[in-house]
C-alpha atoms as a PDB file:
ATOM      1  CA  LEU A   1     270.827   2.927 -13.690  1.00  0.00           C
ATOM      2  CA  SER A   2     269.445   0.639 -11.056  1.00  0.00           C
ATOM      3  CA  GLU A   3     270.852  -2.821 -10.474  1.00  0.00           C
ATOM      4  CA  ASN A   4     267.604  -4.293 -11.859  1.00  0.00           C
ATOM      5  CA  SER A   5     267.900  -2.194 -15.030  1.00  0.00           C
ATOM      6  CA  VAL A   6     271.439  -3.403 -15.657  1.00  0.00           C
ATOM      7  CA  ARG A   7     270.367  -6.990 -14.994  1.00  0.00           C
ATOM      8  CA  ALA A   8     267.582  -6.594 -17.588  1.00  0.00           C
ATOM      9  CA  MET A   9     270.101  -5.222 -20.098  1.00  0.00           C
ATOM     10  CA  ARG A  10     272.303  -8.287 -19.511  1.00  0.00           C
ATOM     11  CA  THR A  11     269.408 -10.731 -20.071  1.00  0.00           C
ATOM     12  CA  ASP A  12     268.341 -12.106 -23.468  1.00  0.00           C
ATOM     13  CA  GLN A  13     265.536  -9.890 -24.755  1.00  0.00           C
ATOM     14  CA  THR A  14     265.017 -11.608 -28.115  1.00  0.00           C
ATOM     15  CA  GLY A  15     262.442 -14.151 -26.978  1.00  0.00           C
ATOM     16  CA  GLY A  16     264.427 -16.930 -28.623  1.00  0.00           C
ATOM     17  CA  ALA A  17     264.185 -15.298 -32.079  1.00  0.00           C
ATOM     18  CA  LEU A  18     266.609 -16.535 -34.694  1.00  0.00           C
ATOM     19  CA  ILE A  19     269.604 -14.196 -34.909  1.00  0.00           C
ATOM     20  CA  THR A  20     270.672 -14.376 -38.539  1.00  0.00           C
ATOM     21  CA  PHE A  21     273.831 -12.316 -38.112  1.00  0.00           C
ATOM     22  CA  SER A  22     276.117 -11.078 -35.404  1.00  0.00           C
ATOM     23  CA  PRO A  23     279.813 -10.329 -35.774  1.00  0.00           C
ATOM     24  CA  TYR A  24     280.428 -12.826 -32.987  1.00  0.00           C
ATOM     25  CA  GLN A  25     278.883 -15.756 -34.869  1.00  0.00           C
ATOM     26  CA  ALA A  26     281.465 -15.290 -37.615  1.00  0.00           C
ATOM     27  CA  TYR A  27     284.228 -15.698 -35.013  1.00  0.00           C
ATOM     28  CA  GLY A  28     283.091 -18.876 -33.314  1.00  0.00           C
ATOM     29  CA  GLN A  29     280.513 -17.612 -30.805  1.00  0.00           C
ATOM     30  CA  PRO A  30     277.307 -19.128 -32.235  1.00  0.00           C
ATOM     31  CA  GLY A  31     275.284 -18.807 -29.027  1.00  0.00           C
ATOM     32  CA  THR A  32     275.481 -15.018 -28.896  1.00  0.00           C
ATOM     33  CA  ARG A  33     272.181 -13.402 -27.853  1.00  0.00           C
ATOM     34  CA  TYR A  34     271.033  -9.790 -27.567  1.00  0.00           C
ATOM     35  CA  GLY A  35     269.959  -7.876 -24.451  1.00  0.00           C
ATOM     36  CA  PHE A  36     268.918  -4.215 -24.269  1.00  0.00           C
ATOM     37  CA  GLY A  37     271.450  -2.420 -26.464  1.00  0.00           C
ATOM     38  CA  LEU A  38     274.271  -4.953 -26.232  1.00  0.00           C
ATOM     39  CA  TRP A  39     275.446  -8.367 -27.328  1.00  0.00           C
ATOM     40  CA  LEU A  40     275.581 -11.118 -24.726  1.00  0.00           C
ATOM     41  CA  ASN A  41     278.750 -12.878 -25.898  1.00  0.00           C
ATOM     42  CA  VAL A  42     278.949 -15.282 -22.960  1.00  0.00           C
ATOM     43  CA  MET A  43     276.165 -16.002 -20.492  1.00  0.00           C
ATOM     44  CA  ASP A  44     276.244 -17.752 -17.144  1.00  0.00           C
ATOM     45  CA  GLY A  45     274.022 -20.696 -16.198  1.00  0.00           C
ATOM     46  CA  ASN A  46     271.215 -18.300 -15.234  1.00  0.00           C
ATOM     47  CA  GLY A  47     271.177 -16.586 -18.647  1.00  0.00           C
ATOM     48  CA  LEU A  48     272.919 -13.433 -17.449  1.00  0.00           C
ATOM     49  CA  GLY A  49     275.503 -11.889 -19.783  1.00  0.00           C
ATOM     50  CA  ILE A  50     278.952 -12.115 -18.204  1.00  0.00           C
ATOM     51  CA  ASN A  51     280.824 -10.933 -21.299  1.00  0.00           C
ATOM     52  CA  ILE A  52     278.961  -8.156 -23.090  1.00  0.00           C
ATOM     53  CA  SER A  53     279.751  -5.698 -25.871  1.00  0.00           C
ATOM     54  CA  ASP A  54     278.245  -3.714 -28.699  1.00  0.00           C
ATOM     55  CA  GLY A  55     280.504  -2.812 -31.567  1.00  0.00           C
ATOM     56  CA  GLY A  56     279.622   0.104 -33.808  1.00  0.00           C
ATOM     57  CA  ALA A  57     279.616  -0.126 -37.592  1.00  0.00           C
ATOM     58  CA  PHE A  58     282.666   2.139 -37.916  1.00  0.00           C
ATOM     59  CA  GLY A  59     285.026   0.583 -35.409  1.00  0.00           C
ATOM     60  CA  THR A  60     284.026   1.586 -31.874  1.00  0.00           C
ATOM     61  CA  MET A  61     284.061  -1.506 -29.652  1.00  0.00           C
ATOM     62  CA  PRO A  62     283.197  -1.290 -25.938  1.00  0.00           C
ATOM     63  CA  TRP A  63     283.079  -4.399 -23.744  1.00  0.00           C
ATOM     64  CA  ILE A  64     282.704  -5.566 -20.164  1.00  0.00           C
ATOM     65  CA  ASP A  65     283.919  -8.934 -18.920  1.00  0.00           C
ATOM     66  CA  TYR A  66     282.433  -9.635 -15.493  1.00  0.00           C
ATOM     67  CA  ARG A  67     284.517 -12.823 -15.068  1.00  0.00           C
ATOM     68  CA  SER A  68     287.859 -11.081 -15.286  1.00  0.00           C
ATOM     69  CA  GLY A  69     286.669  -7.701 -14.008  1.00  0.00           C
ATOM     70  CA  THR A  70     287.894  -5.914 -17.129  1.00  0.00           C
ATOM     71  CA  VAL A  71     286.369  -3.234 -19.315  1.00  0.00           C
ATOM     72  CA  GLY A  72     287.650  -1.609 -22.453  1.00  0.00           C
ATOM     73  CA  VAL A  73     286.798   0.575 -25.394  1.00  0.00           C
ATOM     74  CA  PHE A  74     288.438   0.662 -28.806  1.00  0.00           C
ATOM     75  CA  LEU A  75     287.918   3.963 -30.589  1.00  0.00           C
ATOM     76  CA  VAL A  76     289.040   3.726 -34.194  1.00  0.00           C
ATOM     77  CA  GLN A  77     287.697   4.917 -37.500  1.00  0.00           C
ATOM     78  CA  SER A  78     287.443   1.758 -39.539  1.00  0.00           C
ATOM     79  CA  LEU A  79     284.852  -0.820 -40.424  1.00  0.00           C
ATOM     80  CA  LEU A  80     283.971  -3.121 -37.555  1.00  0.00           C
ATOM     81  CA  SER A  81     284.698  -6.105 -39.791  1.00  0.00           C
ATOM     82  CA  MET A  82     288.282  -4.854 -40.198  1.00  0.00           C
ATOM     83  CA  ILE A  83     289.051  -4.451 -36.496  1.00  0.00           C
ATOM     84  CA  PHE A  84     286.905  -7.202 -34.999  1.00  0.00           C
ATOM     85  CA  PRO A  85     289.645  -9.888 -35.028  1.00  0.00           C
ATOM     86  CA  LEU A  86     292.019  -7.499 -33.216  1.00  0.00           C
ATOM     87  CA  THR A  87     289.458  -6.556 -30.559  1.00  0.00           C
ATOM     88  CA  GLU A  88     288.712 -10.232 -29.928  1.00  0.00           C
ATOM     89  CA  THR A  89     292.422 -10.976 -29.475  1.00  0.00           C
ATOM     90  CA  VAL A  90     292.857  -8.126 -26.994  1.00  0.00           C
ATOM     91  CA  ARG A  91     289.692  -8.950 -25.068  1.00  0.00           C
END
């Protein structure tokens, strides 16, 4: 992917639409937005996602944190709602 493509993925693509549910809202991240194929958990002052992820319904949870330079992937077979608190603690 080009640098511009990744930048577009890390930019809010919802046009300000109301997001009625995200797993992150339930855990104290009410400003979470959505880019191309991933959640923008934390954005910088320019609206670029600096902590991004996209958990799957059955427990897979990849993330990238540009601030700390860390990446990770949880691969489990469980409901996302069951493992989400653990993944947030580890991240």
